[in-house]
Protein backbone atom coordinates (compact mmCIF):
# COMPACT_ATOMS: atom_id res chain seq x y z
CA UNK A 1 0.00 0.00 0.00
CA UNK A 2 2.98 2.32 -0.44
CA UNK A 3 2.40 5.69 -2.14
CA UNK A 4 4.55 8.67 -3.13
CA UNK A 5 3.85 10.37 0.21
CA UNK A 6 5.73 7.59 2.01
CA UNK A 7 9.03 9.03 0.75
CA UNK A 8 8.47 12.17 2.88
CA UNK A 9 9.29 12.19 6.62
CA UNK A 10 5.71 12.90 7.70
CA UNK A 11 4.65 9.58 9.24
CA UNK A 12 2.99 9.62 12.65
CA UNK A 13 2.09 5.96 12.96
CA UNK A 14 3.84 2.72 11.95
CA UNK A 15 1.88 2.19 8.74
CA UNK A 16 1.78 3.72 5.24
CA UNK A 17 0.42 7.23 4.74
CA UNK A 18 -2.50 5.75 2.78
CA UNK A 19 -3.88 4.53 6.11
CA UNK A 20 -5.34 7.21 8.39
CA UNK A 21 -6.35 5.21 11.42
CA UNK A 22 -9.45 3.05 11.13
CA UNK A 23 -12.37 5.49 10.94
CA UNK A 24 -13.93 5.52 7.45
CA UNK A 25 -14.93 9.17 8.03
CA UNK A 26 -11.36 10.50 8.18
CA UNK A 27 -10.89 13.50 5.88
CA UNK A 28 -8.28 16.14 5.00
CA UNK A 29 -9.45 19.44 3.42
CA UNK A 30 -8.43 22.81 2.01
CA UNK A 31 -10.91 25.71 2.09
CA UNK A 32 -10.58 29.19 0.54
CA UNK A 33 -12.69 32.30 0.20
CA UNK A 34 -12.05 35.86 -0.98
CA UNK A 35 -14.12 38.94 -1.68
CA UNK A 36 -13.79 42.25 -3.46
CA UNK A 37 -13.16 45.30 -1.23
CA UNK A 38 -16.80 46.36 -1.69
CA UNK A 39 -18.24 42.85 -1.33
CA UNK A 40 -19.66 42.87 -4.87
CA UNK A 41 -17.86 39.69 -5.93
CA UNK A 42 -16.93 36.56 -4.01
CA UNK A 43 -15.10 33.33 -4.74
CA UNK A 44 -14.90 30.18 -2.62
CA UNK A 45 -13.31 26.78 -3.08
CA UNK A 46 -12.69 23.48 -1.30
CA UNK A 47 -10.62 20.38 -1.99
CA UNK A 48 -11.07 17.29 0.16
CA UNK A 49 -9.25 13.98 0.52
CA UNK A 50 -11.04 10.93 1.95
CA UNK A 51 -8.37 8.23 2.33
CA UNK A 52 -10.60 5.34 3.40
CA UNK A 53 -13.26 6.08 0.79
CA UNK A 54 -10.48 6.40 -1.83
CA UNK A 55 -12.06 9.61 -3.14
CA UNK A 56 -10.81 13.17 -3.73
CA UNK A 57 -13.20 15.97 -4.64
CA UNK A 58 -13.09 19.71 -5.19
CA UNK A 59 -15.34 22.64 -6.02
CA UNK A 60 -14.95 26.28 -7.03
CA UNK A 61 -17.79 28.80 -6.87
CA UNK A 62 -18.05 32.37 -8.17
CA UNK A 63 -20.77 34.67 -6.81
CA UNK A 64 -21.76 37.97 -8.36
CA UNK A 65 -25.07 39.82 -8.54
CA UNK A 66 -26.80 37.27 -6.35
CA UNK A 67 -25.89 34.33 -8.63
CA UNK A 68 -23.58 31.42 -7.79
CA UNK A 69 -21.75 29.48 -10.48
CA UNK A 70 -20.11 26.27 -9.31
CA UNK A 71 -17.77 23.67 -10.78
CA UNK A 72 -17.82 20.33 -8.94
CA UNK A 73 -15.15 17.69 -9.58
CA UNK A 74 -14.57 14.25 -8.08
CA UNK A 75 -12.16 11.42 -8.85
CA UNK A 76 -10.80 8.13 -7.67
CA UNK A 77 -8.02 8.96 -5.20
CA UNK A 78 -5.92 5.91 -5.97
CA UNK A 79 -4.45 6.34 -2.47
CA UNK A 80 -2.16 9.17 -3.68
CA UNK A 81 -3.07 11.87 -1.17
CA UNK A 82 -0.40 14.36 -2.30
CA UNK A 83 -1.66 14.60 -5.87
CA UNK A 84 -3.99 17.52 -5.15
CA UNK A 85 -5.64 17.88 -8.53
CA UNK A 86 -9.19 16.85 -9.35
CA UNK A 87 -10.00 17.28 -13.03
CA UNK A 88 -9.72 21.03 -13.71
CA UNK A 89 -9.18 22.04 -10.05
CA UNK A 90 -5.80 21.98 -8.33
CA UNK A 91 -4.21 23.26 -5.10
CA UNK A 92 -0.48 23.89 -4.82
CA UNK A 93 1.37 24.58 -1.57
CA UNK A 94 3.84 27.21 -2.79
CA UNK A 95 5.27 27.95 0.66
CA UNK A 96 3.87 25.95 3.60
CA UNK A 97 1.82 28.00 6.09
CA UNK A 98 2.31 31.09 3.93
CA UNK A 99 1.29 30.86 0.26
CA UNK A 100 -1.08 28.49 -1.58
CA UNK A 101 -2.22 28.58 -5.20
CA UNK A 102 -5.64 27.56 -6.46
CA UNK A 103 -6.25 26.95 -10.15
CA UNK A 104 -9.36 26.18 -12.15
CA UNK A 105 -8.81 25.34 -15.81
CA UNK A 106 -11.51 26.77 -18.09
CA UNK A 107 -14.71 24.84 -17.44
CA UNK A 108 -18.21 25.95 -18.45
CA UNK A 109 -17.08 29.56 -18.81
CA UNK A 110 -15.12 29.75 -15.53
CA UNK A 111 -11.35 29.90 -15.11
CA UNK A 112 -9.22 30.97 -12.14
CA UNK A 113 -5.61 31.34 -11.05
CA UNK A 114 -5.44 32.65 -7.47
CA UNK A 115 -2.61 33.07 -4.97
CA UNK A 116 -3.58 33.15 -1.28
CA UNK A 117 -0.85 34.70 0.88
CA UNK A 118 -1.09 34.73 4.66
CA UNK A 119 -1.33 38.12 6.38
CA UNK A 120 -0.09 36.49 9.60
CA UNK A 121 0.95 33.07 10.88
CA UNK A 122 -1.94 30.56 10.89
CA UNK A 123 -3.79 30.10 14.14
CA UNK A 124 -4.60 26.65 15.51
CA UNK A 125 -8.19 26.52 16.68
CA UNK A 126 -9.13 24.44 19.74
CA UNK A 127 -9.63 20.80 18.82
CA UNK A 128 -13.22 20.01 17.90
CA UNK A 129 -14.32 16.81 19.64
CA UNK A 130 -18.05 16.08 19.69
CA UNK A 131 -19.70 12.85 20.80
CA UNK A 132 -23.22 11.50 20.93
CA UNK A 133 -23.18 8.95 23.73
CA UNK A 134 -20.27 6.62 22.97
CA UNK A 135 -19.99 7.60 19.31
CA UNK A 136 -17.49 10.20 18.11
CA UNK A 137 -19.19 12.42 15.52
CA UNK A 138 -16.38 14.96 15.14
CA UNK A 139 -12.71 14.93 16.09
CA UNK A 140 -11.05 17.66 14.07
CA UNK A 141 -8.02 19.94 14.07
CA UNK A 142 -8.13 23.14 12.01
CA UNK A 143 -5.70 25.93 11.18
CA UNK A 144 -7.09 29.24 9.95
CA UNK A 145 -5.36 32.15 8.25
CA UNK A 146 -6.58 35.45 6.84
CA UNK A 147 -5.05 36.13 3.45
CA UNK A 148 -4.28 38.68 0.77
CA UNK A 149 -5.31 37.45 -2.66
CA UNK A 150 -3.87 38.08 -6.13
CA UNK A 151 -4.46 36.69 -9.59
CA UNK A 152 -7.59 36.59 -11.68
CA UNK A 153 -10.90 34.90 -12.39
CA UNK A 154 -12.25 34.73 -15.94
CA UNK A 155 -16.04 34.61 -16.32
CA UNK A 156 -17.44 34.01 -19.82
CA UNK A 157 -14.33 35.55 -21.37
CA UNK A 158 -14.16 38.55 -19.01
CA UNK A 159 -10.94 38.61 -17.00
CA UNK A 160 -11.45 39.99 -13.48
CA UNK A 161 -8.32 40.85 -11.50
CA UNK A 162 -8.48 40.13 -7.78
CA UNK A 163 -5.31 41.91 -6.61
CA UNK A 164 -6.19 43.71 -3.39
CA UNK A 165 -8.91 41.24 -2.41
CA UNK A 166 -8.81 39.65 1.05
CA UNK A 167 -10.24 36.47 2.45
CA UNK A 168 -9.61 33.43 4.61
CA UNK A 169 -8.24 29.98 4.05
CA UNK A 170 -8.25 26.98 6.36
CA UNK A 171 -6.94 23.45 6.60
CA UNK A 172 -8.83 20.89 8.61
CA UNK A 173 -8.37 17.18 9.13
CA UNK A 174 -9.80 14.48 11.32
CA UNK A 175 -13.14 12.75 11.60
CA UNK A 176 -16.53 14.17 10.61
CA UNK A 177 -19.51 12.73 8.69
CA UNK A 178 -18.64 12.33 4.99
CA UNK A 179 -19.91 10.35 2.04
CA UNK A 180 -22.95 8.11 2.45
CA UNK A 181 -24.92 8.48 5.67
CA UNK A 182 -24.38 5.93 8.42
CA UNK A 183 -27.27 3.42 8.14
CA UNK A 184 -27.35 2.91 11.91
CA UNK A 185 -27.17 5.93 14.21
CA UNK A 186 -26.43 6.04 17.90
CA UNK A 187 -28.84 4.23 20.24
CA UNK A 188 -31.13 5.52 21.53
CA UNK A 189 -31.70 7.99 18.66
CA UNK A 190 -30.58 11.57 19.32
CA UNK A 191 -32.44 14.48 17.67
CA UNK A 192 -30.13 16.33 15.24
CA UNK A 193 -28.60 19.46 16.79
CA UNK A 194 -25.74 21.64 15.60
CA UNK A 195 -25.25 25.34 16.27
CA UNK A 196 -22.25 26.90 14.55
CA UNK A 197 -20.99 30.47 14.08
CA UNK A 198 -17.63 31.29 12.49
CA UNK A 199 -16.45 34.85 11.82
CA UNK A 200 -12.99 35.38 10.31
CA UNK A 201 -12.63 39.15 9.70
CA UNK A 202 -9.94 41.18 7.92
CA UNK A 203 -8.99 44.70 9.04
CA UNK A 204 -6.08 46.76 7.72
CA UNK A 205 -4.00 46.23 10.86
CA UNK A 206 -5.72 43.28 12.53
CA UNK A 207 -7.26 39.86 11.95
CA UNK A 208 -10.14 38.70 14.12
CA UNK A 209 -11.36 35.11 14.51
CA UNK A 210 -14.44 34.06 16.45
CA UNK A 211 -16.31 30.77 16.51
CA UNK A 212 -18.74 28.90 18.69
CA UNK A 213 -20.35 25.47 18.77
CA UNK A 214 -23.30 25.52 21.20
CA UNK A 215 -25.40 22.65 22.48
CA UNK A 216 -29.19 22.82 22.64
CA UNK A 217 -29.12 24.69 25.95
CA UNK A 218 -26.80 27.31 24.49
CA UNK A 219 -23.74 26.06 26.36
CA UNK A 220 -20.62 26.26 24.22
CA UNK A 221 -18.70 23.00 23.79
CA UNK A 222 -16.11 24.79 21.63
CA UNK A 223 -15.75 28.59 21.59
CA UNK A 224 -12.76 30.83 20.93
CA UNK A 225 -11.86 34.36 19.89
CA UNK A 226 -8.41 35.49 18.76
CA UNK A 227 -7.19 38.94 17.75
CA UNK A 228 -3.98 39.19 15.72
CA UNK A 229 -1.99 42.42 15.54
CA UNK A 230 -0.54 42.33 12.03
CA UNK A 231 2.29 44.78 12.72
CA UNK A 232 3.82 42.63 15.46
CA UNK A 233 2.25 39.28 14.63
CA UNK A 234 1.11 38.97 18.24
CA UNK A 235 -1.90 36.74 18.88
CA UNK A 236 -4.20 37.60 21.77
CA UNK A 237 -6.66 34.94 22.86
CA UNK A 238 -9.64 36.95 24.07
CA UNK A 239 -11.14 35.95 27.41
CA UNK A 240 -14.88 35.44 27.90
CA UNK A 241 -15.79 35.40 24.19
CA UNK A 242 -19.50 36.07 23.65
CA UNK A 243 -21.96 37.02 20.94
CA UNK A 244 -25.34 38.70 20.56
CA UNK A 245 -27.14 37.87 17.32
CA UNK A 246 -30.78 38.74 16.59
CA UNK A 247 -32.35 36.86 13.69
CA UNK A 248 -34.31 38.07 10.70
CA UNK A 249 -37.97 37.17 11.33
CA UNK A 250 -39.07 33.99 9.56
CA UNK A 251 -35.50 32.70 9.19
CA UNK A 252 -32.55 31.22 11.05
CA UNK A 253 -30.26 33.92 9.68
CA UNK A 254 -28.47 36.72 11.49
CA UNK A 255 -29.90 40.21 11.14
CA UNK A 256 -26.80 41.64 12.82
CA UNK A 257 -24.13 40.30 15.16
CA UNK A 258 -21.98 41.71 17.96
CA UNK A 259 -18.93 39.78 19.13
CA UNK A 260 -17.10 40.58 22.35
CA UNK A 261 -14.07 39.44 24.30
CA UNK A 262 -11.67 40.69 26.94
CA UNK A 263 -7.99 41.55 26.66
CA UNK A 264 -5.67 43.04 29.28
CA UNK A 265 -6.70 46.61 28.55
CA UNK A 266 -10.45 46.02 28.44
CA UNK A 267 -13.18 44.89 26.08
CA UNK A 268 -12.88 44.22 22.35
CA UNK A 269 -16.12 44.65 20.37
CA UNK A 270 -16.83 43.71 16.75
CA UNK A 271 -20.10 44.73 15.11
CA UNK A 272 -21.09 42.85 11.95
CA UNK A 273 -23.56 43.95 9.28
CA UNK A 274 -24.56 41.09 6.94
CA UNK A 275 -24.91 41.74 3.22
CA UNK A 276 -25.01 39.12 0.45
CA UNK A 277 -25.29 35.45 1.45
CA UNK A 278 -23.13 32.70 -0.03
CA UNK A 279 -24.68 29.24 0.18
CA UNK A 280 -22.10 26.67 1.20
CA UNK A 281 -23.65 23.92 -0.92
CA UNK A 282 -22.02 25.88 -3.77
CA UNK A 283 -18.76 24.14 -2.80
CA UNK A 284 -20.33 20.85 -1.70
CA UNK A 285 -21.21 21.37 1.97
CA UNK A 286 -24.54 19.58 2.44
CA UNK A 287 -25.17 19.40 -1.31
CA UNK A 288 -27.74 16.65 -2.08
CA UNK A 289 -25.86 15.56 -5.23
CA UNK A 290 -22.30 16.86 -4.89
CA UNK A 291 -21.75 16.41 -1.14
CA UNK A 292 -18.25 15.75 0.15
CA UNK A 293 -16.82 12.26 -0.20
CA UNK A 294 -19.54 10.71 -2.35
CA UNK A 295 -18.50 8.22 -5.02
CA UNK A 296 -19.18 9.66 -8.49
CA UNK A 297 -16.94 7.44 -10.59
CA UNK A 298 -13.29 7.60 -11.66
CA UNK A 299 -13.69 11.22 -12.80
CA UNK A 300 -16.76 13.43 -12.79
CA UNK A 301 -16.91 17.18 -13.54
CA UNK A 302 -20.20 19.09 -13.52
CA UNK A 303 -21.39 22.70 -13.36
CA UNK A 304 -24.31 24.23 -11.50
CA UNK A 305 -25.96 27.68 -11.35
CA UNK A 306 -27.84 28.81 -8.24
CA UNK A 307 -29.94 31.89 -7.50
CA UNK A 308 -28.55 32.84 -4.09
CA UNK A 309 -30.43 36.13 -3.88
CA UNK A 310 -33.78 34.41 -4.50
CA UNK A 311 -33.14 31.33 -2.35
CA UNK A 312 -35.79 30.22 0.14
CA UNK A 313 -34.41 31.30 3.52
CA UNK A 314 -36.71 28.85 5.31
CA UNK A 315 -35.50 25.76 3.41
CA UNK A 316 -33.22 23.39 5.35
CA UNK A 317 -31.25 22.88 2.13
CA UNK A 318 -30.17 26.53 2.43
CA UNK A 319 -29.32 26.44 6.13
CA UNK A 320 -25.53 26.54 5.77
CA UNK A 321 -24.22 29.89 4.54
CA UNK A 322 -21.55 32.51 4.81
CA UNK A 323 -22.95 36.04 4.96
CA UNK A 324 -20.53 38.62 3.61
CA UNK A 325 -20.25 41.26 6.32
CA UNK A 326 -19.03 44.77 6.92
CA UNK A 327 -17.25 44.93 10.28
CA UNK A 328 -16.29 47.53 12.84
CA UNK A 329 -13.64 46.70 15.43
CA UNK A 330 -13.46 48.73 18.64
CA UNK A 331 -10.37 48.25 20.80
CA UNK A 332 -10.01 48.99 24.53
CA UNK A 333 -8.24 52.31 23.79
CA UNK A 334 -11.34 53.49 21.94
CA UNK A 335 -9.83 53.22 18.45
CA UNK A 336 -12.15 51.85 15.76
CA UNK A 337 -11.25 50.03 12.55
CA UNK A 338 -13.34 49.09 9.52
CA UNK A 339 -13.07 45.72 7.80
CA UNK A 340 -14.79 42.90 5.98
CA UNK A 341 -15.18 39.15 6.35
CA UNK A 342 -17.82 36.47 6.58
CA UNK A 343 -20.28 35.29 9.21
CA UNK A 344 -20.75 31.56 8.69
CA UNK A 345 -23.97 30.14 10.12
CA UNK A 346 -25.39 26.62 10.47
CA UNK A 347 -28.24 26.17 12.94
CA UNK A 348 -29.93 22.76 13.14
CA UNK A 349 -32.29 21.68 15.89
CA UNK A 350 -32.85 23.13 19.33
CA UNK A 351 -31.08 26.21 20.67
CA UNK A 352 -32.81 27.55 23.77
CA UNK A 353 -31.30 31.08 23.82
CA UNK A 354 -32.49 31.61 20.24
CA UNK A 355 -35.96 30.25 20.96
CA UNK A 356 -35.48 27.32 18.55
CA UNK A 357 -37.28 24.21 19.79
CA UNK A 358 -37.65 21.97 16.74
CA UNK A 359 -35.45 20.75 13.90
CA UNK A 360 -35.99 23.82 11.70
CA UNK A 361 -38.52 26.15 13.37
CA UNK A 362 -37.90 29.82 12.51
CA UNK A 363 -37.37 33.05 14.37
C-alpha cells in the first residue's frame, strides 16, 4: 500500500500514509474564500481527501449579482493523497503556512488562477471533539489564516483581477460525517442538533477570529476568539468570548451580530452587518448531489448555477451559509477600525437562547 507520500518524513504511525487510522470518516481538506473590497464579488473553493473512501473531490464557486456558479469535480483517489488535482481544479502549496495557489482550468465559462498569501501566521483553533453517547461524531483539528489574494478569475471571457482582495483559508483534518450516511445511528436515537458560528474578519491592521459550537441549551462546547496584531504578529486569545445575534424574522439567519471578548486593557467589540449570502452547498457542503466524499466514478466534472439572492431562507437545504459582512472593530483604547469578512452560520435543531425548539422552526 505504499504511495509517493511515504518518501516524505511525515509519518505519525507505523503504517503507510495511505492509512489514516481506522475510521472511514477520516478526511483532509483545504478551504478558501475571498471577496472584493466592496463585497460585490466573491469566490470560494474546497478540496477534500477521503483516504478510506479512496475519493478526492473539489469545487470552485463564483458569486456575483446574487448568482452562484459552481464547478464540482470528483475522482478516484488511488491512495495518492499528495496529488492535489481533481479534473480542472488543483491546489499547490507554494510555501507551507504562507502561500497556496488555487487553479481552475476553463470549465463551463469559468477559469481561475489565485494566490492566497497569509497576512499572519496561521492560528490553531481548539480541537473540535463532539460525541453522541459513545460515538465520536467529530474529532477535528483546524488551522485558519486570513489572506491577501492576487491573480484573476475569468467569467465568460471577461478577466477579473483580484489583486487587493482579502479572504480566509483553512486546513482541517480528522473525523466528521462524509460520504454516504451511516445506516445505523447512535442508540437511543438523538435528535439532530448543531449550532455553529464562524467569523474570520480582515482589518487593515488586525485579523479577528471568532467561533462557537453551542449545544441545545446554548452552552458552548467549543468557543474561541483570537485577535492578531498584524504589525507585530502577536496573537491575543480573548477571554470570555461572547456574541449577541438577533435573527431576521421567519428565518434562522443573522440580522446583525456583535462579538465581544476581553484583553488586558479592556473589552474588544466587533459589530457585523450582513450583506449578500453565499450558500455553502455551492462548494459541496450539504449538497444533495455533490456532497463531500460521495462516489461519483473515476472522474466526474459538472457545473451548477444557483440563484442565491432568491433562495428560500426557510429551506433546510439553504441552512448553511456565509454572509458577507461589513465589520467595525473597537479596541479597549477606543480606536475603531473598519473591515470585511464572513459570518458563517449553520443552525440545526434546538437552541434555547435563540428560541429554537424543533429541527428547523424559525425566528
